[in-house]
Amino acid sequence: MKRKIITTSDGSKTIQIEDWNEQYHSIHGAINEANHVFLKHGLLFYSQNNRKLEAITILEIGFGTGLNAFLTLVEAEKQSLNIDYVGVEAYPVLGEEIEQLNYIELISEDHASKFSEMHDIEWGKPKYISSEFKLEKQQKFFKDITDENKYNIVYFDAFGARVQPDLWTEEIFEIMYKALKLNGVLVTYSAKGSVRRAMQAVGFEVERLPGPPGKREMLRAVKR
């Protein structure tokens, strides 16, 4: 499928799949969306309510461009958080595409080498990118995740249900539910009623929250 780099409303770039008219991040602002959905309502929400944890474990569904991981790394250093991060991706983004993104310029030029290292490390082998941030990238389909009671947070950043409805089913959210520890949190940009009902059907307690720019609502689900 044909892909191209586009600039979103906040000046940050993302990848567009033209055949689907679908982007890796919101056209209303890639960085703004990631900060609002995954950092503010995911990482910071969880860390502020669980300050005694020695480490926070995060599973990202759709590692993609590495934007969410990069923002998390920078925030981990800022907040002195110890993060163990696993990013799952079936189809890794090409190196030449990564080089065209402007996340280093807009987020932190001081972390340029760490952003590069995140993309250069071998798949399937965990590595400390900084003293606060350990990363493992796993190349596999989401349905093949078998972890149980392992993660505190899930960043659910799959392509939208319009183009990949099979990624937003009860079957997938059952896998997410099992992967989370008790009181673990899943956040996603989606607010579709069918998505919320699928989450509730497998046991999640779900709340609607104000969405990022260009989107009225988003969802946060908690494993009680």
N, C-alpha and C. Protein backbone atom coordinates (compact mmCIF):
# COMPACT_ATOMS: atom_id res chain seq x y z
N MET A 1 0.83 -1.20 0.00
CA MET A 1 0.00 0.00 0.00
C MET A 1 0.87 1.25 0.00
N LYS A 2 0.41 2.27 -0.70
CA LYS A 2 1.17 3.50 -0.83
C LYS A 2 1.15 4.28 0.48
N ARG A 3 2.33 4.76 0.89
CA ARG A 3 2.49 5.49 2.14
C ARG A 3 3.20 6.81 1.85
N LYS A 4 2.87 7.83 2.63
CA LYS A 4 3.59 9.09 2.50
C LYS A 4 3.66 9.78 3.85
N ILE A 5 4.63 10.67 4.00
CA ILE A 5 4.78 11.46 5.21
C ILE A 5 3.95 12.73 5.07
N ILE A 6 3.11 13.02 6.07
CA ILE A 6 2.31 14.25 6.05
C ILE A 6 2.57 15.04 7.33
N THR A 7 2.24 16.32 7.30
CA THR A 7 2.38 17.19 8.47
C THR A 7 1.00 17.40 9.09
N THR A 8 0.91 17.17 10.40
CA THR A 8 -0.36 17.31 11.11
C THR A 8 -0.51 18.74 11.65
N SER A 9 -1.65 19.03 12.26
CA SER A 9 -1.99 20.41 12.62
C SER A 9 -1.07 21.05 13.65
N ASP A 10 -0.39 20.26 14.47
CA ASP A 10 0.54 20.85 15.45
C ASP A 10 1.97 20.94 14.91
N GLY A 11 2.14 20.65 13.62
CA GLY A 11 3.46 20.74 13.00
C GLY A 11 4.25 19.45 13.00
N SER A 12 3.79 18.47 13.76
CA SER A 12 4.49 17.17 13.81
C SER A 12 4.04 16.31 12.64
N LYS A 13 4.94 15.46 12.20
CA LYS A 13 4.68 14.63 11.03
C LYS A 13 4.17 13.25 11.43
N THR A 14 3.52 12.59 10.49
CA THR A 14 3.10 11.21 10.67
C THR A 14 3.08 10.52 9.32
N ILE A 15 2.77 9.23 9.32
CA ILE A 15 2.71 8.45 8.10
C ILE A 15 1.25 8.25 7.72
N GLN A 16 0.94 8.49 6.47
CA GLN A 16 -0.41 8.25 5.96
C GLN A 16 -0.41 7.06 5.00
N ILE A 17 -1.37 6.15 5.21
CA ILE A 17 -1.59 5.05 4.27
C ILE A 17 -2.70 5.51 3.33
N GLU A 18 -2.32 5.84 2.12
CA GLU A 18 -3.25 6.51 1.22
C GLU A 18 -4.43 5.63 0.81
N ASP A 19 -4.20 4.33 0.62
CA ASP A 19 -5.28 3.45 0.20
C ASP A 19 -6.40 3.38 1.24
N TRP A 20 -6.04 3.54 2.50
CA TRP A 20 -7.02 3.48 3.59
C TRP A 20 -7.52 4.87 4.00
N ASN A 21 -6.81 5.92 3.57
CA ASN A 21 -7.03 7.27 4.10
C ASN A 21 -6.93 7.22 5.63
N GLU A 22 -5.88 6.59 6.10
CA GLU A 22 -5.65 6.38 7.53
C GLU A 22 -4.23 6.79 7.88
N GLN A 23 -4.05 7.39 9.07
CA GLN A 23 -2.74 7.84 9.52
C GLN A 23 -2.31 7.09 10.78
N TYR A 24 -1.01 7.08 11.01
CA TYR A 24 -0.49 6.51 12.25
C TYR A 24 -0.90 7.35 13.45
N HIS A 25 -1.07 8.64 13.25
CA HIS A 25 -1.47 9.56 14.33
C HIS A 25 -2.51 10.53 13.80
N SER A 26 -3.12 11.27 14.70
CA SER A 26 -4.18 12.19 14.33
C SER A 26 -3.68 13.30 13.41
N ILE A 27 -4.47 13.61 12.38
CA ILE A 27 -4.13 14.73 11.50
C ILE A 27 -4.30 16.06 12.24
N HIS A 28 -4.98 16.05 13.38
CA HIS A 28 -5.18 17.26 14.18
C HIS A 28 -4.00 17.53 15.11
N GLY A 29 -2.96 16.70 15.01
CA GLY A 29 -1.77 16.90 15.83
C GLY A 29 -1.26 15.60 16.40
N ALA A 30 -0.21 15.05 15.81
CA ALA A 30 0.32 13.75 16.26
C ALA A 30 0.83 13.83 17.69
N ILE A 31 1.66 14.82 17.97
CA ILE A 31 2.23 14.94 19.32
C ILE A 31 1.15 15.33 20.32
N ASN A 32 0.26 16.25 19.95
CA ASN A 32 -0.82 16.65 20.86
C ASN A 32 -1.68 15.45 21.25
N GLU A 33 -2.02 14.62 20.27
CA GLU A 33 -2.85 13.44 20.55
C GLU A 33 -2.13 12.49 21.49
N ALA A 34 -0.86 12.19 21.20
CA ALA A 34 -0.10 11.24 22.02
C ALA A 34 0.03 11.75 23.46
N ASN A 35 0.33 13.03 23.61
CA ASN A 35 0.46 13.60 24.96
C ASN A 35 -0.85 13.53 25.72
N HIS A 36 -1.95 13.84 25.06
CA HIS A 36 -3.25 13.88 25.73
C HIS A 36 -3.75 12.49 26.09
N VAL A 37 -3.73 11.58 25.14
CA VAL A 37 -4.32 10.25 25.36
C VAL A 37 -3.41 9.37 26.21
N PHE A 38 -2.15 9.23 25.80
CA PHE A 38 -1.30 8.22 26.41
C PHE A 38 -0.48 8.73 27.59
N LEU A 39 -0.01 9.97 27.52
CA LEU A 39 0.76 10.51 28.64
C LEU A 39 -0.16 11.04 29.74
N LYS A 40 -1.00 12.02 29.42
CA LYS A 40 -1.84 12.64 30.45
C LYS A 40 -2.82 11.65 31.07
N HIS A 41 -3.59 10.94 30.25
CA HIS A 41 -4.65 10.08 30.78
C HIS A 41 -4.21 8.63 31.00
N GLY A 42 -2.97 8.32 30.62
CA GLY A 42 -2.43 6.98 30.84
C GLY A 42 -1.32 7.00 31.87
N LEU A 43 -0.12 7.36 31.43
CA LEU A 43 1.05 7.31 32.30
C LEU A 43 0.93 8.21 33.52
N LEU A 44 0.61 9.49 33.32
CA LEU A 44 0.57 10.42 34.45
C LEU A 44 -0.60 10.13 35.39
N PHE A 45 -1.74 9.76 34.83
CA PHE A 45 -2.87 9.36 35.66
C PHE A 45 -2.48 8.17 36.55
N TYR A 46 -1.85 7.17 35.95
CA TYR A 46 -1.51 5.97 36.73
C TYR A 46 -0.41 6.27 37.75
N SER A 47 0.62 6.97 37.34
CA SER A 47 1.76 7.21 38.25
C SER A 47 1.34 8.07 39.44
N GLN A 48 0.45 9.04 39.21
CA GLN A 48 0.01 9.89 40.31
C GLN A 48 -0.84 9.14 41.33
N ASN A 49 -1.45 8.05 40.88
CA ASN A 49 -2.29 7.27 41.80
C ASN A 49 -1.58 6.02 42.33
N ASN A 50 -0.34 5.82 41.91
CA ASN A 50 0.42 4.64 42.35
C ASN A 50 1.88 5.04 42.58
N ARG A 51 2.07 5.98 43.47
CA ARG A 51 3.40 6.57 43.67
C ARG A 51 4.39 5.62 44.32
N LYS A 52 3.93 4.56 44.96
CA LYS A 52 4.84 3.66 45.69
C LYS A 52 5.46 2.58 44.79
N LEU A 53 5.02 2.50 43.55
CA LEU A 53 5.56 1.48 42.65
C LEU A 53 7.02 1.76 42.32
N GLU A 54 7.84 0.71 42.36
CA GLU A 54 9.24 0.86 41.98
C GLU A 54 9.39 1.01 40.48
N ALA A 55 8.52 0.35 39.71
CA ALA A 55 8.57 0.43 38.25
C ALA A 55 7.16 0.37 37.69
N ILE A 56 6.98 0.97 36.53
CA ILE A 56 5.71 0.93 35.82
C ILE A 56 5.93 0.17 34.52
N THR A 57 5.11 -0.85 34.31
CA THR A 57 5.22 -1.65 33.09
C THR A 57 4.16 -1.23 32.09
N ILE A 58 4.58 -0.99 30.86
CA ILE A 58 3.68 -0.49 29.82
C ILE A 58 3.73 -1.41 28.60
N LEU A 59 2.56 -1.73 28.08
CA LEU A 59 2.43 -2.46 26.81
C LEU A 59 1.83 -1.51 25.79
N GLU A 60 2.54 -1.31 24.68
CA GLU A 60 1.97 -0.49 23.60
C GLU A 60 1.49 -1.38 22.47
N ILE A 61 0.23 -1.20 22.12
CA ILE A 61 -0.37 -1.93 21.01
C ILE A 61 -0.27 -1.07 19.76
N GLY A 62 0.77 -1.32 18.98
CA GLY A 62 1.07 -0.54 17.79
C GLY A 62 2.25 0.38 18.01
N PHE A 63 3.47 -0.17 18.07
CA PHE A 63 4.68 0.63 18.32
C PHE A 63 4.88 1.69 17.24
N GLY A 64 4.61 1.33 16.00
CA GLY A 64 4.58 2.29 14.90
C GLY A 64 5.83 3.14 14.76
N THR A 65 5.64 4.46 14.83
CA THR A 65 6.73 5.41 14.64
C THR A 65 7.60 5.58 15.88
N GLY A 66 7.16 5.02 17.00
CA GLY A 66 7.89 5.18 18.26
C GLY A 66 7.57 6.47 18.98
N LEU A 67 6.58 7.23 18.50
CA LEU A 67 6.26 8.51 19.13
C LEU A 67 5.83 8.35 20.58
N ASN A 68 4.92 7.43 20.85
CA ASN A 68 4.43 7.26 22.23
C ASN A 68 5.56 6.81 23.15
N ALA A 69 6.41 5.93 22.66
CA ALA A 69 7.54 5.45 23.46
C ALA A 69 8.53 6.58 23.73
N PHE A 70 8.78 7.41 22.72
CA PHE A 70 9.74 8.51 22.88
C PHE A 70 9.23 9.53 23.90
N LEU A 71 7.96 9.90 23.80
CA LEU A 71 7.38 10.82 24.77
C LEU A 71 7.43 10.24 26.18
N THR A 72 7.21 8.93 26.28
CA THR A 72 7.24 8.26 27.59
C THR A 72 8.65 8.26 28.16
N LEU A 73 9.64 8.02 27.33
CA LEU A 73 11.04 8.05 27.77
C LEU A 73 11.40 9.43 28.31
N VAL A 74 11.06 10.48 27.57
CA VAL A 74 11.37 11.85 28.00
C VAL A 74 10.66 12.17 29.31
N GLU A 75 9.39 11.76 29.42
CA GLU A 75 8.63 12.01 30.64
C GLU A 75 9.17 11.22 31.82
N ALA A 76 9.64 10.01 31.56
CA ALA A 76 10.20 9.17 32.63
C ALA A 76 11.41 9.85 33.25
N GLU A 77 12.26 10.44 32.42
CA GLU A 77 13.43 11.14 32.94
C GLU A 77 13.01 12.40 33.70
N LYS A 78 12.02 13.10 33.18
CA LYS A 78 11.55 14.33 33.82
C LYS A 78 10.94 14.05 35.19
N GLN A 79 10.16 12.96 35.28
CA GLN A 79 9.44 12.63 36.52
C GLN A 79 10.18 11.62 37.40
N SER A 80 11.36 11.18 36.97
CA SER A 80 12.12 10.15 37.68
C SER A 80 11.29 8.88 37.87
N LEU A 81 10.68 8.43 36.76
CA LEU A 81 9.90 7.20 36.76
C LEU A 81 10.72 6.07 36.15
N ASN A 82 10.59 4.90 36.71
CA ASN A 82 11.27 3.72 36.17
C ASN A 82 10.27 2.97 35.29
N ILE A 83 10.53 2.94 33.98
CA ILE A 83 9.58 2.39 33.01
C ILE A 83 10.14 1.15 32.34
N ASP A 84 9.33 0.10 32.33
CA ASP A 84 9.62 -1.13 31.57
C ASP A 84 8.59 -1.19 30.44
N TYR A 85 9.04 -0.97 29.21
CA TYR A 85 8.14 -0.69 28.08
C TYR A 85 8.26 -1.79 27.03
N VAL A 86 7.12 -2.35 26.64
CA VAL A 86 7.07 -3.34 25.57
C VAL A 86 6.19 -2.80 24.45
N GLY A 87 6.74 -2.70 23.25
CA GLY A 87 5.99 -2.22 22.10
C GLY A 87 5.78 -3.35 21.10
N VAL A 88 4.53 -3.63 20.78
CA VAL A 88 4.19 -4.71 19.85
C VAL A 88 3.82 -4.12 18.49
N GLU A 89 4.39 -4.68 17.44
CA GLU A 89 4.15 -4.18 16.09
C GLU A 89 4.29 -5.34 15.11
N ALA A 90 3.26 -5.54 14.29
CA ALA A 90 3.32 -6.62 13.29
C ALA A 90 4.15 -6.23 12.08
N TYR A 91 4.07 -4.95 11.70
CA TYR A 91 4.74 -4.48 10.48
C TYR A 91 5.58 -3.25 10.81
N PRO A 92 6.86 -3.44 11.18
CA PRO A 92 7.70 -2.31 11.58
C PRO A 92 7.82 -1.23 10.50
N VAL A 93 7.87 0.00 10.97
CA VAL A 93 8.05 1.16 10.09
C VAL A 93 9.47 1.14 9.54
N LEU A 94 9.63 1.53 8.29
CA LEU A 94 10.93 1.53 7.64
C LEU A 94 11.83 2.65 8.17
N GLY A 95 13.13 2.38 8.20
CA GLY A 95 14.09 3.36 8.69
C GLY A 95 14.05 4.66 7.93
N GLU A 96 13.86 4.59 6.62
CA GLU A 96 13.83 5.83 5.83
C GLU A 96 12.59 6.67 6.14
N GLU A 97 11.53 6.03 6.61
CA GLU A 97 10.35 6.78 7.04
C GLU A 97 10.61 7.46 8.38
N ILE A 98 11.23 6.75 9.29
CA ILE A 98 11.57 7.30 10.61
C ILE A 98 12.43 8.55 10.45
N GLU A 99 13.37 8.52 9.52
CA GLU A 99 14.28 9.65 9.32
C GLU A 99 13.58 10.91 8.85
N GLN A 100 12.39 10.77 8.29
CA GLN A 100 11.64 11.93 7.79
C GLN A 100 10.73 12.57 8.86
N LEU A 101 10.64 11.92 10.02
CA LEU A 101 9.78 12.45 11.08
C LEU A 101 10.54 13.51 11.88
N ASN A 102 9.82 14.45 12.47
CA ASN A 102 10.47 15.58 13.16
C ASN A 102 10.24 15.57 14.67
N TYR A 103 10.13 14.38 15.24
CA TYR A 103 9.84 14.28 16.67
C TYR A 103 11.00 14.77 17.54
N ILE A 104 12.22 14.49 17.13
CA ILE A 104 13.37 14.96 17.91
C ILE A 104 13.36 16.48 17.98
N GLU A 105 13.17 17.11 16.84
CA GLU A 105 13.17 18.58 16.75
C GLU A 105 12.09 19.20 17.62
N LEU A 106 10.90 18.58 17.65
CA LEU A 106 9.76 19.18 18.36
C LEU A 106 9.66 18.74 19.82
N ILE A 107 10.25 17.61 20.18
CA ILE A 107 10.10 17.10 21.55
C ILE A 107 11.35 17.32 22.39
N SER A 108 12.50 16.84 21.91
CA SER A 108 13.73 17.00 22.69
C SER A 108 14.95 16.64 21.85
N GLU A 109 15.68 17.66 21.44
CA GLU A 109 16.91 17.40 20.69
C GLU A 109 17.98 16.76 21.58
N ASP A 110 17.86 16.95 22.89
CA ASP A 110 18.81 16.33 23.82
C ASP A 110 18.69 14.81 23.82
N HIS A 111 17.55 14.31 23.34
CA HIS A 111 17.32 12.86 23.34
C HIS A 111 17.44 12.26 21.93
N ALA A 112 18.10 12.96 21.04
CA ALA A 112 18.20 12.49 19.66
C ALA A 112 18.81 11.10 19.55
N SER A 113 19.89 10.87 20.27
CA SER A 113 20.57 9.57 20.18
C SER A 113 19.71 8.45 20.75
N LYS A 114 18.89 8.79 21.75
CA LYS A 114 18.03 7.77 22.36
C LYS A 114 16.87 7.42 21.45
N PHE A 115 16.34 8.41 20.73
CA PHE A 115 15.30 8.12 19.75
C PHE A 115 15.84 7.19 18.67
N SER A 116 17.04 7.46 18.21
CA SER A 116 17.65 6.60 17.20
C SER A 116 17.89 5.20 17.75
N GLU A 117 18.35 5.12 18.97
CA GLU A 117 18.63 3.81 19.58
C GLU A 117 17.34 2.99 19.73
N MET A 118 16.24 3.66 20.07
CA MET A 118 14.96 2.96 20.19
C MET A 118 14.61 2.22 18.90
N HIS A 119 14.93 2.84 17.77
CA HIS A 119 14.60 2.23 16.49
C HIS A 119 15.67 1.25 16.01
N ASP A 120 16.88 1.39 16.54
CA ASP A 120 17.98 0.54 16.08
C ASP A 120 18.11 -0.76 16.85
N ILE A 121 17.56 -0.83 18.07
CA ILE A 121 17.75 -2.05 18.86
C ILE A 121 17.08 -3.24 18.19
N GLU A 122 17.61 -4.42 18.48
CA GLU A 122 17.12 -5.65 17.86
C GLU A 122 15.74 -6.01 18.41
N TRP A 123 14.87 -6.45 17.53
CA TRP A 123 13.53 -6.88 17.94
C TRP A 123 13.64 -8.13 18.82
N GLY A 124 12.87 -8.15 19.90
CA GLY A 124 12.82 -9.31 20.77
C GLY A 124 13.87 -9.33 21.85
N LYS A 125 14.71 -8.28 21.92
CA LYS A 125 15.75 -8.24 22.95
C LYS A 125 15.63 -6.95 23.75
N PRO A 126 15.26 -7.04 25.04
CA PRO A 126 15.10 -5.83 25.86
C PRO A 126 16.43 -5.12 26.06
N LYS A 127 16.36 -3.79 26.14
CA LYS A 127 17.58 -3.00 26.35
C LYS A 127 17.23 -1.71 27.07
N TYR A 128 18.11 -1.31 27.98
CA TYR A 128 17.94 -0.02 28.65
C TYR A 128 18.36 1.09 27.69
N ILE A 129 17.42 1.97 27.34
CA ILE A 129 17.73 3.12 26.51
C ILE A 129 18.26 4.25 27.39
N SER A 130 17.79 4.30 28.62
CA SER A 130 18.33 5.19 29.65
C SER A 130 18.18 4.45 30.98
N SER A 131 18.68 5.05 32.04
CA SER A 131 18.59 4.38 33.34
C SER A 131 17.16 4.24 33.80
N GLU A 132 16.25 5.08 33.27
CA GLU A 132 14.84 5.05 33.67
C GLU A 132 13.95 4.30 32.69
N PHE A 133 14.50 3.86 31.57
CA PHE A 133 13.61 3.37 30.50
C PHE A 133 14.19 2.14 29.82
N LYS A 134 13.52 1.01 30.03
CA LYS A 134 13.91 -0.24 29.34
C LYS A 134 12.88 -0.54 28.26
N LEU A 135 13.36 -0.86 27.07
CA LEU A 135 12.48 -1.09 25.93
C LEU A 135 12.69 -2.47 25.34
N GLU A 136 11.57 -3.13 25.03
CA GLU A 136 11.60 -4.35 24.22
C GLU A 136 10.57 -4.20 23.11
N LYS A 137 11.00 -4.38 21.89
CA LYS A 137 10.08 -4.35 20.74
C LYS A 137 9.81 -5.79 20.31
N GLN A 138 8.54 -6.11 20.17
CA GLN A 138 8.13 -7.46 19.77
C GLN A 138 7.39 -7.40 18.44
N GLN A 139 7.87 -8.16 17.47
CA GLN A 139 7.21 -8.18 16.17
C GLN A 139 6.25 -9.37 16.12
N LYS A 140 4.96 -9.09 16.27
CA LYS A 140 3.95 -10.13 16.22
C LYS A 140 2.57 -9.49 16.11
N PHE A 141 1.57 -10.32 15.85
CA PHE A 141 0.19 -9.84 15.80
C PHE A 141 -0.35 -9.69 17.22
N PHE A 142 -1.26 -8.76 17.41
CA PHE A 142 -1.80 -8.50 18.74
C PHE A 142 -2.51 -9.73 19.31
N LYS A 143 -3.13 -10.51 18.44
CA LYS A 143 -3.86 -11.69 18.90
C LYS A 143 -2.93 -12.75 19.47
N ASP A 144 -1.62 -12.62 19.22
CA ASP A 144 -0.65 -13.61 19.68
C ASP A 144 0.00 -13.23 21.01
N ILE A 145 -0.44 -12.15 21.63
CA ILE A 145 0.07 -11.77 22.95
C ILE A 145 -0.48 -12.73 23.99
N THR A 146 0.40 -13.29 24.81
CA THR A 146 -0.02 -14.30 25.80
C THR A 146 0.32 -13.88 27.24
N ASP A 147 0.82 -12.67 27.45
CA ASP A 147 1.18 -12.22 28.79
C ASP A 147 -0.05 -12.18 29.70
N GLU A 148 0.18 -12.50 30.97
CA GLU A 148 -0.90 -12.43 31.95
C GLU A 148 -0.42 -11.71 33.20
N ASN A 149 -1.24 -10.75 33.69
CA ASN A 149 -0.95 -10.01 34.92
C ASN A 149 0.46 -9.41 34.91
N LYS A 150 0.83 -8.79 33.80
CA LYS A 150 2.20 -8.30 33.64
C LYS A 150 2.30 -6.78 33.60
N TYR A 151 1.30 -6.10 33.07
CA TYR A 151 1.43 -4.67 32.78
C TYR A 151 0.54 -3.81 33.67
N ASN A 152 1.03 -2.60 33.95
CA ASN A 152 0.23 -1.61 34.67
C ASN A 152 -0.61 -0.76 33.73
N ILE A 153 -0.07 -0.54 32.51
CA ILE A 153 -0.73 0.34 31.54
C ILE A 153 -0.67 -0.29 30.16
N VAL A 154 -1.76 -0.16 29.41
CA VAL A 154 -1.77 -0.49 27.98
C VAL A 154 -2.06 0.77 27.19
N TYR A 155 -1.14 1.12 26.29
CA TYR A 155 -1.41 2.16 25.29
C TYR A 155 -2.01 1.45 24.08
N PHE A 156 -3.30 1.59 23.87
CA PHE A 156 -3.95 0.89 22.76
C PHE A 156 -4.04 1.85 21.57
N ASP A 157 -3.07 1.72 20.66
CA ASP A 157 -2.93 2.68 19.56
C ASP A 157 -2.94 1.98 18.21
N ALA A 158 -3.86 1.03 18.07
CA ALA A 158 -4.01 0.32 16.80
C ALA A 158 -4.66 1.23 15.76
N PHE A 159 -4.54 0.85 14.48
CA PHE A 159 -5.28 1.56 13.44
C PHE A 159 -6.77 1.50 13.76
N GLY A 160 -7.53 2.49 13.29
CA GLY A 160 -8.92 2.63 13.65
C GLY A 160 -9.80 1.48 13.22
N ALA A 161 -10.92 1.36 13.92
CA ALA A 161 -11.88 0.28 13.65
C ALA A 161 -12.49 0.37 12.26
N ARG A 162 -12.48 1.55 11.67
CA ARG A 162 -13.01 1.71 10.31
C ARG A 162 -12.22 0.87 9.31
N VAL A 163 -10.89 0.79 9.50
CA VAL A 163 -10.06 0.06 8.54
C VAL A 163 -9.61 -1.31 9.05
N GLN A 164 -9.53 -1.47 10.37
CA GLN A 164 -9.13 -2.77 10.94
C GLN A 164 -10.05 -3.14 12.11
N PRO A 165 -11.32 -3.45 11.82
CA PRO A 165 -12.28 -3.75 12.89
C PRO A 165 -11.89 -4.96 13.73
N ASP A 166 -11.10 -5.88 13.17
CA ASP A 166 -10.71 -7.08 13.91
C ASP A 166 -9.78 -6.78 15.08
N LEU A 167 -9.24 -5.57 15.16
CA LEU A 167 -8.35 -5.20 16.26
C LEU A 167 -9.09 -4.57 17.43
N TRP A 168 -10.42 -4.43 17.30
CA TRP A 168 -11.21 -3.74 18.31
C TRP A 168 -12.36 -4.63 18.80
N THR A 169 -12.10 -5.91 18.94
CA THR A 169 -13.12 -6.89 19.29
C THR A 169 -13.00 -7.34 20.74
N GLU A 170 -14.02 -8.05 21.20
CA GLU A 170 -13.95 -8.64 22.54
C GLU A 170 -12.74 -9.58 22.65
N GLU A 171 -12.45 -10.31 21.60
CA GLU A 171 -11.30 -11.23 21.62
C GLU A 171 -10.00 -10.48 21.94
N ILE A 172 -9.79 -9.35 21.30
CA ILE A 172 -8.57 -8.58 21.53
C ILE A 172 -8.57 -7.96 22.92
N PHE A 173 -9.70 -7.41 23.35
CA PHE A 173 -9.75 -6.78 24.66
C PHE A 173 -9.68 -7.80 25.80
N GLU A 174 -10.09 -9.02 25.55
CA GLU A 174 -9.88 -10.10 26.53
C GLU A 174 -8.38 -10.34 26.73
N ILE A 175 -7.62 -10.29 25.64
CA ILE A 175 -6.16 -10.44 25.73
C ILE A 175 -5.56 -9.29 26.52
N MET A 176 -6.05 -8.08 26.28
CA MET A 176 -5.57 -6.91 27.01
C MET A 176 -5.90 -7.01 28.51
N TYR A 177 -7.11 -7.46 28.79
CA TYR A 177 -7.55 -7.60 30.18
C TYR A 177 -6.66 -8.58 30.93
N LYS A 178 -6.35 -9.71 30.30
CA LYS A 178 -5.49 -10.71 30.93
C LYS A 178 -4.06 -10.19 31.11
N ALA A 179 -3.61 -9.38 30.17
CA ALA A 179 -2.23 -8.88 30.22
C ALA A 179 -2.02 -7.86 31.33
N LEU A 180 -3.09 -7.15 31.71
CA LEU A 180 -2.99 -6.13 32.75
C LEU A 180 -3.01 -6.72 34.16
N LYS A 181 -2.30 -6.05 35.06
CA LYS A 181 -2.40 -6.36 36.48
C LYS A 181 -3.70 -5.76 37.04
N LEU A 182 -4.07 -6.17 38.23
CA LEU A 182 -5.24 -5.62 38.89
C LEU A 182 -5.08 -4.11 39.02
N ASN A 183 -6.13 -3.38 38.71
CA ASN A 183 -6.15 -1.92 38.71
C ASN A 183 -5.32 -1.31 37.58
N GLY A 184 -4.91 -2.15 36.65
CA GLY A 184 -4.20 -1.64 35.48
C GLY A 184 -5.13 -0.84 34.58
N VAL A 185 -4.53 0.03 33.77
CA VAL A 185 -5.27 1.01 32.97
C VAL A 185 -4.98 0.81 31.49
N LEU A 186 -6.03 0.85 30.67
CA LEU A 186 -5.89 0.87 29.21
C LEU A 186 -6.46 2.19 28.71
N VAL A 187 -5.68 2.88 27.87
CA VAL A 187 -6.16 4.13 27.28
C VAL A 187 -6.09 4.03 25.76
N THR A 188 -7.06 4.65 25.11
CA THR A 188 -7.10 4.67 23.65
C THR A 188 -7.78 5.94 23.17
N TYR A 189 -7.43 6.34 21.97
CA TYR A 189 -8.04 7.52 21.35
C TYR A 189 -9.47 7.28 20.91
N SER A 190 -9.86 6.02 20.76
CA SER A 190 -11.20 5.70 20.26
C SER A 190 -12.27 5.94 21.32
N ALA A 191 -13.46 6.34 20.86
CA ALA A 191 -14.60 6.48 21.77
C ALA A 191 -15.84 5.83 21.18
N LYS A 192 -15.66 4.95 20.20
CA LYS A 192 -16.81 4.30 19.56
C LYS A 192 -17.61 3.48 20.57
N GLY A 193 -18.91 3.51 20.41
CA GLY A 193 -19.77 2.73 21.32
C GLY A 193 -19.47 1.26 21.26
N SER A 194 -19.19 0.72 20.08
CA SER A 194 -18.90 -0.71 19.95
C SER A 194 -17.61 -1.08 20.67
N VAL A 195 -16.64 -0.16 20.67
CA VAL A 195 -15.37 -0.40 21.38
C VAL A 195 -15.62 -0.40 22.88
N ARG A 196 -16.35 0.58 23.37
CA ARG A 196 -16.66 0.64 24.80
C ARG A 196 -17.41 -0.61 25.26
N ARG A 197 -18.36 -1.05 24.46
CA ARG A 197 -19.14 -2.24 24.85
C ARG A 197 -18.27 -3.50 24.84
N ALA A 198 -17.35 -3.59 23.89
CA ALA A 198 -16.44 -4.75 23.85
C ALA A 198 -15.55 -4.77 25.09
N MET A 199 -15.06 -3.62 25.51
CA MET A 199 -14.26 -3.53 26.73
C MET A 199 -15.07 -3.96 27.96
N GLN A 200 -16.28 -3.44 28.06
CA GLN A 200 -17.13 -3.77 29.21
C GLN A 200 -17.48 -5.25 29.24
N ALA A 201 -17.66 -5.84 28.08
CA ALA A 201 -18.05 -7.24 28.00
C ALA A 201 -17.00 -8.18 28.58
N VAL A 202 -15.72 -7.77 28.52
CA VAL A 202 -14.66 -8.65 29.04
C VAL A 202 -14.29 -8.31 30.49
N GLY A 203 -14.96 -7.29 31.07
CA GLY A 203 -14.76 -7.01 32.49
C GLY A 203 -14.20 -5.65 32.83
N PHE A 204 -13.85 -4.84 31.84
CA PHE A 204 -13.29 -3.52 32.13
C PHE A 204 -14.35 -2.57 32.68
N GLU A 205 -13.92 -1.69 33.56
CA GLU A 205 -14.70 -0.53 33.98
C GLU A 205 -14.27 0.61 33.08
N VAL A 206 -15.18 1.17 32.31
CA VAL A 206 -14.81 2.10 31.23
C VAL A 206 -15.39 3.49 31.49
N GLU A 207 -14.58 4.52 31.24
CA GLU A 207 -15.06 5.89 31.33
C GLU A 207 -14.70 6.67 30.07
N ARG A 208 -15.61 7.56 29.70
CA ARG A 208 -15.34 8.49 28.60
C ARG A 208 -14.65 9.71 29.18
N LEU A 209 -13.64 10.19 28.45
CA LEU A 209 -12.90 11.38 28.86
C LEU A 209 -12.87 12.36 27.69
N PRO A 210 -12.64 13.65 27.95
CA PRO A 210 -12.49 14.60 26.84
C PRO A 210 -11.36 14.14 25.91
N GLY A 211 -11.59 14.22 24.62
CA GLY A 211 -10.62 13.74 23.66
C GLY A 211 -9.55 14.76 23.33
N PRO A 212 -8.57 14.36 22.53
CA PRO A 212 -7.53 15.27 22.07
C PRO A 212 -8.09 16.22 21.02
N PRO A 213 -7.30 17.17 20.55
CA PRO A 213 -7.78 18.09 19.51
C PRO A 213 -8.38 17.34 18.33
N GLY A 214 -9.57 17.80 17.89
CA GLY A 214 -10.24 17.18 16.76
C GLY A 214 -11.11 15.99 17.12
N LYS A 215 -11.15 15.63 18.41
CA LYS A 215 -11.94 14.46 18.82
C LYS A 215 -12.67 14.79 20.12
N ARG A 216 -13.95 14.53 20.15
CA ARG A 216 -14.75 14.94 21.31
C ARG A 216 -14.44 14.12 22.56
N GLU A 217 -14.26 12.81 22.38
CA GLU A 217 -14.04 11.92 23.54
C GLU A 217 -12.97 10.87 23.24
N MET A 218 -12.48 10.25 24.31
CA MET A 218 -11.59 9.09 24.27
C MET A 218 -12.03 8.15 25.39
N LEU A 219 -11.42 6.97 25.46
CA LEU A 219 -11.80 5.99 26.47
C LEU A 219 -10.62 5.61 27.37
N ARG A 220 -10.94 5.44 28.65
CA ARG A 220 -9.99 4.84 29.59
C ARG A 220 -10.68 3.69 30.31
N ALA A 221 -10.04 2.54 30.32
CA ALA A 221 -10.61 1.34 30.93
C ALA A 221 -9.70 0.85 32.05
N VAL A 222 -10.31 0.38 33.13
CA VAL A 222 -9.55 -0.08 34.30
C VAL A 222 -9.94 -1.52 34.62
N LYS A 223 -8.96 -2.32 34.95
CA LYS A 223 -9.19 -3.70 35.36
C LYS A 223 -9.38 -3.72 36.88
N ARG A 224 -10.60 -3.92 37.31
CA ARG A 224 -10.90 -3.95 38.75
C ARG A 224 -10.91 -5.39 39.27
